[in-house]
C-alpha atoms as a PDB file:
ATOM      1  CA  MET A   1      52.570  57.308  88.291  1.00  0.00           C
ATOM      2  CA  ALA A   2      52.851  57.979  84.820  1.00  0.00           C
ATOM      3  CA  TYR A   3      52.078  55.280  82.417  1.00  0.00           C
ATOM      4  CA  SER A   4      53.535  54.671  78.799  1.00  0.00           C
ATOM      5  CA  ASP A   5      51.692  55.628  75.451  1.00  0.00           C
ATOM      6  CA  LYS A   6      51.374  51.899  74.856  1.00  0.00           C
ATOM      7  CA  VAL A   7      49.718  51.000  78.316  1.00  0.00           C
ATOM      8  CA  LEU A   8      47.187  53.956  77.419  1.00  0.00           C
ATOM      9  CA  ASP A   9      46.609  52.902  74.183  1.00  0.00           C
ATOM     10  CA  HIS A  10      45.971  49.219  75.076  1.00  0.00           C
ATOM     11  CA  TYR A  11      43.866  50.388  78.155  1.00  0.00           C
ATOM     12  CA  GLU A  12      41.722  52.889  76.107  1.00  0.00           C
ATOM     13  CA  ASN A  13      41.347  50.623  73.082  1.00  0.00           C
ATOM     14  CA  PRO A  14      41.636  47.084  74.214  1.00  0.00           C
ATOM     15  CA  ARG A  15      42.153  44.580  71.522  1.00  0.00           C
ATOM     16  CA  ASN A  16      40.569  41.250  71.349  1.00  0.00           C
ATOM     17  CA  VAL A  17      38.154  41.439  74.486  1.00  0.00           C
ATOM     18  CA  GLY A  18      35.614  38.672  74.999  1.00  0.00           C
ATOM     19  CA  GLY A  19      35.826  34.978  74.854  1.00  0.00           C
ATOM     20  CA  PHE A  20      35.147  31.640  72.990  1.00  0.00           C
ATOM     21  CA  ASP A  21      32.910  28.806  74.067  1.00  0.00           C
ATOM     22  CA  ALA A  22      35.434  26.545  76.124  1.00  0.00           C
ATOM     23  CA  ASN A  23      33.948  23.558  74.662  1.00  0.00           C
ATOM     24  CA  THR A  24      34.785  24.481  71.194  1.00  0.00           C
ATOM     25  CA  GLU A  25      37.301  22.403  69.428  1.00  0.00           C
ATOM     26  CA  GLY A  26      40.906  23.954  69.587  1.00  0.00           C
ATOM     27  CA  VAL A  27      39.983  26.368  72.365  1.00  0.00           C
ATOM     28  CA  GLY A  28      42.279  26.395  75.614  1.00  0.00           C
ATOM     29  CA  THR A  29      41.472  28.483  78.358  1.00  0.00           C
ATOM     30  CA  GLY A  30      43.725  30.100  80.923  1.00  0.00           C
ATOM     31  CA  MET A  31      42.419  31.736  84.264  1.00  0.00           C
ATOM     32  CA  VAL A  32      44.890  33.142  86.465  1.00  0.00           C
ATOM     33  CA  GLY A  33      44.845  35.898  89.252  1.00  0.00           C
ATOM     34  CA  ALA A  34      44.965  36.727  92.754  1.00  0.00           C
ATOM     35  CA  PRO A  35      41.147  37.852  93.714  1.00  0.00           C
ATOM     36  CA  ALA A  36      42.721  39.279  96.963  1.00  0.00           C
ATOM     37  CA  CYS A  37      44.499  41.920  94.811  1.00  0.00           C
ATOM     38  CA  GLY A  38      41.740  42.228  92.445  1.00  0.00           C
ATOM     39  CA  ASP A  39      43.478  41.385  89.343  1.00  0.00           C
ATOM     40  CA  VAL A  40      42.009  38.114  87.321  1.00  0.00           C
ATOM     41  CA  MET A  41      43.118  37.342  83.961  1.00  0.00           C
ATOM     42  CA  ARG A  42      41.283  34.947  81.697  1.00  0.00           C
ATOM     43  CA  LEU A  43      42.945  34.223  78.154  1.00  0.00           C
ATOM     44  CA  GLN A  44      41.616  32.034  75.613  1.00  0.00           C
ATOM     45  CA  ILE A  45      43.512  30.790  72.540  1.00  0.00           C
ATOM     46  CA  ARG A  46      41.931  28.963  69.489  1.00  0.00           C
ATOM     47  CA  VAL A  47      44.548  26.847  67.733  1.00  0.00           C
ATOM     48  CA  ASN A  48      44.308  25.246  64.189  1.00  0.00           C
ATOM     49  CA  ARG A  49      44.984  21.674  63.415  1.00  0.00           C
ATOM     50  CA  ASP A  50      48.637  22.827  62.337  1.00  0.00           C
ATOM     51  CA  GLY A  51      49.334  23.842  66.065  1.00  0.00           C
ATOM     52  CA  VAL A  52      49.078  27.488  65.433  1.00  0.00           C
ATOM     53  CA  ILE A  53      47.159  30.034  67.310  1.00  0.00           C
ATOM     54  CA  GLU A  54      44.803  31.585  65.042  1.00  0.00           C
ATOM     55  CA  ASP A  55      42.944  33.756  67.601  1.00  0.00           C
ATOM     56  CA  ALA A  56      42.980  34.874  71.137  1.00  0.00           C
ATOM     57  CA  LYS A  57      40.506  36.694  73.446  1.00  0.00           C
ATOM     58  CA  PHE A  58      40.829  38.113  76.997  1.00  0.00           C
ATOM     59  CA  LYS A  59      38.801  39.139  79.884  1.00  0.00           C
ATOM     60  CA  THR A  60      40.619  40.817  82.723  1.00  0.00           C
ATOM     61  CA  TYR A  61      39.548  42.691  85.869  1.00  0.00           C
ATOM     62  CA  GLY A  62      42.198  44.818  87.270  1.00  0.00           C
ATOM     63  CA  CYS A  63      44.317  47.975  86.551  1.00  0.00           C
ATOM     64  CA  GLY A  64      45.092  49.421  83.281  1.00  0.00           C
ATOM     65  CA  SER A  65      48.218  47.681  83.365  1.00  0.00           C
ATOM     66  CA  ALA A  66      46.560  44.173  83.753  1.00  0.00           C
ATOM     67  CA  ILE A  67      44.190  44.914  80.787  1.00  0.00           C
ATOM     68  CA  ALA A  68      47.234  46.400  78.795  1.00  0.00           C
ATOM     69  CA  SER A  69      49.253  43.161  79.348  1.00  0.00           C
ATOM     70  CA  SER A  70      46.367  41.164  78.404  1.00  0.00           C
ATOM     71  CA  SER A  71      45.425  42.971  75.237  1.00  0.00           C
ATOM     72  CA  LEU A  72      49.070  43.032  74.102  1.00  0.00           C
ATOM     73  CA  VAL A  73      49.589  39.294  74.611  1.00  0.00           C
ATOM     74  CA  THR A  74      46.568  38.492  72.528  1.00  0.00           C
ATOM     75  CA  GLU A  75      47.994  40.365  69.786  1.00  0.00           C
ATOM     76  CA  TRP A  76      51.545  38.608  70.227  1.00  0.00           C
ATOM     77  CA  VAL A  77      50.360  35.132  70.466  1.00  0.00           C
ATOM     78  CA  ARG A  78      48.248  35.132  67.132  1.00  0.00           C
ATOM     79  CA  GLY A  79      50.141  33.421  64.222  1.00  0.00           C
ATOM     80  CA  ARG A  80      52.374  31.611  66.692  1.00  0.00           C
ATOM     81  CA  THR A  81      52.890  27.883  67.626  1.00  0.00           C
ATOM     82  CA  LEU A  82      52.109  26.828  71.088  1.00  0.00           C
ATOM     83  CA  ASP A  83      55.853  26.491  72.053  1.00  0.00           C
ATOM     84  CA  GLU A  84      56.305  29.985  70.359  1.00  0.00           C
ATOM     85  CA  ALA A  85      53.816  31.487  72.654  1.00  0.00           C
ATOM     86  CA  LEU A  86      55.145  29.796  75.661  1.00  0.00           C
ATOM     87  CA  ALA A  87      58.549  31.740  74.738  1.00  0.00           C
ATOM     88  CA  ILE A  88      56.864  34.953  75.520  1.00  0.00           C
ATOM     89  CA  LYS A  89      58.341  36.236  79.016  1.00  0.00           C
ATOM     90  CA  ASN A  90      56.991  38.560  81.287  1.00  0.00           C
ATOM     91  CA  THR A  91      60.218  40.632  80.840  1.00  0.00           C
ATOM     92  CA  ASP A  92      59.209  40.916  77.323  1.00  0.00           C
ATOM     93  CA  ILE A  93      55.622  42.256  77.868  1.00  0.00           C
ATOM     94  CA  ALA A  94      57.078  44.620  80.798  1.00  0.00           C
ATOM     95  CA  ASP A  95      59.756  45.930  78.440  1.00  0.00           C
ATOM     96  CA  GLU A  96      57.147  46.460  75.390  1.00  0.00           C
ATOM     97  CA  LEU A  97      54.868  48.277  77.775  1.00  0.00           C
ATOM     98  CA  ALA A  98      57.504  50.192  79.918  1.00  0.00           C
ATOM     99  CA  LEU A  99      55.558  49.000  83.099  1.00  0.00           C
ATOM    100  CA  PRO A 100      56.894  50.600  86.223  1.00  0.00           C
ATOM    101  CA  PRO A 101      58.591  48.347  88.945  1.00  0.00           C
ATOM    102  CA  VAL A 102      55.084  48.309  91.021  1.00  0.00           C
ATOM    103  CA  LYS A 103      53.180  46.908  87.981  1.00  0.00           C
ATOM    104  CA  ILE A 104      55.501  44.122  86.661  1.00  0.00           C
ATOM    105  CA  HIS A 105      52.844  41.627  88.362  1.00  0.00           C
ATOM    106  CA  CYS A 106      50.747  42.328  85.731  1.00  0.00           C
ATOM    107  CA  SER A 107      53.118  41.001  83.264  1.00  0.00           C
ATOM    108  CA  ILE A 108      53.908  38.083  85.112  1.00  0.00           C
ATOM    109  CA  LEU A 109      50.062  37.249  85.141  1.00  0.00           C
ATOM    110  CA  ALA A 110      50.003  37.716  81.441  1.00  0.00           C
ATOM    111  CA  GLU A 111      52.844  35.329  80.996  1.00  0.00           C
ATOM    112  CA  ASP A 112      51.331  32.786  83.300  1.00  0.00           C
ATOM    113  CA  ALA A 113      47.716  33.127  81.497  1.00  0.00           C
ATOM    114  CA  ILE A 114      49.703  31.992  78.364  1.00  0.00           C
ATOM    115  CA  LYS A 115      51.033  29.060  80.038  1.00  0.00           C
ATOM    116  CA  ALA A 116      47.712  28.096  81.508  1.00  0.00           C
ATOM    117  CA  ALA A 117      45.858  28.499  78.189  1.00  0.00           C
ATOM    118  CA  VAL A 118      48.434  26.373  76.458  1.00  0.00           C
ATOM    119  CA  ALA A 119      48.497  23.770  79.202  1.00  0.00           C
ATOM    120  CA  ASP A 120      44.489  23.678  79.277  1.00  0.00           C
ATOM    121  CA  PHE A 121      44.655  23.300  75.247  1.00  0.00           C
ATOM    122  CA  ARG A 122      47.142  20.551  75.506  1.00  0.00           C
ATOM    123  CA  ALA A 123      45.347  18.662  78.419  1.00  0.00           C
ATOM    124  CA  ARG A 124      41.830  18.725  76.618  1.00  0.00           C
ATOM    125  CA  HIS A 125      43.017  18.260  73.116  1.00  0.00           C
ATOM    126  CA  SER A 126      45.793  15.612  72.927  1.00  0.00           C
ATOM    127  CA  ALA A 127      45.890  11.899  73.997  1.00  0.00           C
ATOM    128  CA  ALA A 128      49.174  12.595  75.817  1.00  0.00           C
ATOM    129  CA  GLY A 129      47.934  15.790  77.555  1.00  0.00           C
ATOM    130  CA  ARG A 130      44.998  13.957  79.029  1.00  0.00           C
ATOM    131  CA  ASP A 131      47.296  11.847  81.194  1.00  0.00           C
ATOM    132  CA  ALA A 132      49.922  14.493  82.036  1.00  0.00           C
ATOM    133  CA  SER A 133      49.364  16.964  84.608  1.00  0.00           C
ATOM    134  CA  ALA A 134      49.543  20.593  83.357  1.00  0.00           C
ATOM    135  CA  ALA A 135      52.488  22.680  84.537  1.00  0.00           C
ATOM    136  CA  GLY A 136      51.866  25.302  86.706  1.00  0.00           C
ATOM    137  CA  ALA A 137      48.655  26.670  88.594  1.00  0.00           C
ATOM    138  CA  ASP A 138      45.838  27.331  86.214  1.00  0.00           C
ATOM    139  CA  THR A 139      42.975  27.775  88.238  1.00  0.00           C
ATOM    140  CA  LEU A 140      42.363  30.541  90.894  1.00  0.00           C
ATOM    141  CA  ALA A 141      42.384  28.648  94.070  1.00  0.00           C
ATOM    142  CA  GLU A 142      45.886  27.466  93.271  1.00  0.00           C
ATOM    143  CA  GLN A 143      47.321  31.074  92.719  1.00  0.00           C
ATOM    144  CA  PRO A 144      49.360  32.764  95.246  1.00  0.00           C
ATOM    145  CA  VAL A 145      47.540  35.397  97.113  1.00  0.00           C
ATOM    146  CA  CYS A 146      48.816  38.668  96.588  1.00  0.00           C
ATOM    147  CA  LYS A 147      50.479  40.724  99.143  1.00  0.00           C
ATOM    148  CA  SER A 148      48.932  44.269  99.783  1.00  0.00           C
ATOM    149  CA  GLY A 149      50.041  47.090  97.735  1.00  0.00           C
ATOM    150  CA  ALA A 150      51.030  45.277  94.721  1.00  0.00           C
END
Protein backbone atom coordinates (compact mmCIF):
# COMPACT_ATOMS: atom_id res chain seq x y z
CA MET A 1 0.00 0.00 0.00
CA ALA A 2 1.42 3.36 -1.03
CA TYR A 3 0.97 6.34 1.27
CA SER A 4 0.55 9.91 0.07
CA ASP A 5 3.32 12.46 0.57
CA LYS A 6 1.17 14.22 3.20
CA VAL A 7 0.79 11.03 5.25
CA LEU A 8 4.52 10.40 5.05
CA ASP A 9 5.30 14.00 6.01
CA HIS A 10 3.00 13.99 9.06
CA TYR A 11 4.23 10.53 10.06
CA GLU A 12 7.94 11.32 9.70
CA ASN A 13 7.61 14.87 11.08
CA PRO A 14 4.57 14.82 13.36
CA ARG A 15 3.39 18.19 14.61
CA ASN A 16 2.35 18.98 18.17
CA VAL A 17 3.24 15.68 19.82
CA GLY A 18 2.87 15.73 23.58
CA GLY A 19 0.30 16.86 26.06
CA PHE A 20 -0.88 19.39 28.59
CA ASP A 21 -1.56 18.90 32.27
CA ALA A 22 -5.19 17.81 32.16
CA ASN A 23 -5.95 19.91 35.25
CA THR A 24 -4.82 23.14 33.62
CA GLU A 25 -7.55 25.72 33.08
CA GLY A 26 -8.84 25.66 29.52
CA VAL A 27 -7.71 22.12 28.66
CA GLY A 28 -9.98 19.44 27.24
CA THR A 29 -8.84 15.87 26.66
CA GLY A 30 -10.27 13.31 24.28
CA MET A 31 -9.13 9.69 24.39
CA VAL A 32 -10.47 7.39 21.71
CA GLY A 33 -9.50 4.14 20.14
CA ALA A 34 -9.85 0.44 19.91
CA PRO A 35 -7.07 -1.21 21.91
CA ALA A 36 -7.85 -4.53 20.18
CA CYS A 37 -6.61 -2.94 16.92
CA GLY A 38 -3.76 -1.08 18.52
CA ASP A 39 -4.95 2.39 17.49
CA VAL A 40 -5.36 4.72 20.47
CA MET A 41 -5.49 8.51 20.15
CA ARG A 42 -5.31 11.18 22.82
CA LEU A 43 -6.03 14.72 21.65
CA GLN A 44 -5.81 17.68 24.00
CA ILE A 45 -6.95 21.20 23.24
CA ARG A 46 -6.22 24.42 25.12
CA VAL A 47 -9.03 26.93 24.77
CA ASN A 48 -8.80 30.65 25.59
CA ARG A 49 -11.46 32.73 27.33
CA ASP A 50 -12.98 33.67 23.97
CA GLY A 51 -13.66 30.01 23.17
CA VAL A 52 -10.91 29.74 20.56
CA ILE A 53 -8.54 26.78 20.52
CA GLU A 54 -5.08 28.24 21.07
CA ASP A 55 -3.10 25.02 21.02
CA ALA A 56 -3.50 21.30 20.50
CA LYS A 57 -1.32 18.29 21.32
CA PHE A 58 -1.63 14.59 20.63
CA LYS A 59 -0.24 11.21 21.52
CA THR A 60 -1.20 8.37 19.24
CA TYR A 61 -0.31 4.72 19.35
CA GLY A 62 -1.04 3.24 15.96
CA CYS A 63 -0.11 3.08 12.33
CA GLY A 64 1.31 5.88 10.20
CA SER A 65 -2.16 6.91 9.02
CA ALA A 66 -3.37 7.27 12.61
CA ILE A 67 -0.36 9.39 13.54
CA ALA A 68 -0.74 11.51 10.40
CA SER A 69 -4.46 12.04 11.07
CA SER A 70 -3.72 13.16 14.63
CA SER A 71 -0.93 15.48 13.56
CA LEU A 72 -3.10 17.06 10.88
CA VAL A 73 -6.05 17.77 13.17
CA THR A 74 -3.81 19.52 15.72
CA GLU A 75 -2.93 21.97 12.96
CA TRP A 76 -6.51 22.31 11.76
CA VAL A 77 -8.16 22.99 15.14
CA ARG A 78 -5.78 25.80 16.12
CA GLY A 79 -7.41 29.19 15.79
CA ARG A 80 -10.91 27.72 15.49
CA THR A 81 -13.83 27.97 17.87
CA LEU A 82 -15.09 24.77 19.45
CA ASP A 83 -18.02 24.62 17.03
CA GLU A 84 -15.71 25.21 14.06
CA ALA A 85 -13.48 22.36 15.27
CA LEU A 86 -16.53 20.10 15.56
CA ALA A 87 -17.28 20.83 11.90
CA ILE A 88 -14.11 18.96 10.86
CA LYS A 89 -15.25 15.63 9.46
CA ASN A 90 -13.36 12.42 8.91
CA THR A 91 -13.95 12.78 5.17
CA ASP A 92 -12.07 16.11 5.21
CA ILE A 93 -9.14 14.43 6.96
CA ALA A 94 -9.19 11.37 4.68
CA ASP A 95 -9.36 13.56 1.57
CA GLU A 96 -6.52 15.83 2.71
CA LEU A 97 -4.26 12.87 3.47
CA ALA A 98 -5.49 10.76 0.53
CA LEU A 99 -6.05 7.82 2.87
CA PRO A 100 -6.75 4.47 1.21
CA PRO A 101 -10.11 2.86 2.07
CA VAL A 102 -8.53 0.41 4.54
CA LYS A 103 -7.20 3.37 6.57
CA ILE A 104 -10.39 5.46 6.75
CA HIS A 105 -10.88 4.30 10.35
CA CYS A 106 -7.87 6.47 11.27
CA SER A 107 -9.66 9.60 10.09
CA ILE A 108 -12.76 8.51 12.01
CA LEU A 109 -10.69 8.20 15.18
CA ALA A 110 -9.32 11.71 14.63
CA GLU A 111 -12.83 13.16 14.22
CA ASP A 112 -13.95 11.26 17.33
CA ALA A 113 -10.95 12.60 19.25
CA ILE A 114 -11.95 16.18 18.39
CA LYS A 115 -15.51 15.51 19.56
CA ALA A 116 -14.28 13.90 22.79
CA ALA A 117 -11.84 16.74 23.57
CA VAL A 118 -14.51 19.39 22.99
CA ALA A 119 -17.04 17.43 25.08
CA ASP A 120 -14.49 17.09 27.90
CA PHE A 121 -13.65 20.80 27.77
CA ARG A 122 -17.32 21.78 27.87
CA ALA A 123 -18.10 19.37 30.69
CA ARG A 124 -15.20 20.59 32.82
CA HIS A 125 -15.28 24.31 32.06
CA SER A 126 -18.91 25.35 31.88
CA ALA A 127 -21.63 25.27 34.51
CA ALA A 128 -24.13 23.87 32.00
CA GLY A 129 -21.64 21.25 30.87
CA ARG A 130 -21.25 19.82 34.37
CA ASP A 131 -24.85 18.62 34.29
CA ALA A 132 -25.05 17.69 30.64
CA SER A 133 -23.85 14.33 29.46
CA ALA A 134 -21.15 14.52 26.82
CA ALA A 135 -22.17 13.32 23.39
CA GLY A 136 -20.39 10.23 22.17
CA ALA A 137 -17.99 7.83 23.80
CA ASP A 138 -14.98 9.53 25.29
CA THR A 139 -13.33 6.74 27.21
CA LEU A 140 -11.61 3.68 25.84
CA ALA A 141 -14.05 1.44 27.68
CA GLU A 142 -16.91 2.95 25.66
CA GLN A 143 -15.25 2.51 22.27
CA PRO A 144 -16.33 -0.24 19.90
CA VAL A 145 -13.97 -3.14 19.47
CA CYS A 146 -12.26 -3.16 16.10
CA LYS A 147 -12.75 -6.03 13.71
CA SER A 148 -9.54 -7.80 12.77
CA GLY A 149 -7.89 -6.56 9.62
CA ALA A 150 -9.05 -2.96 10.06
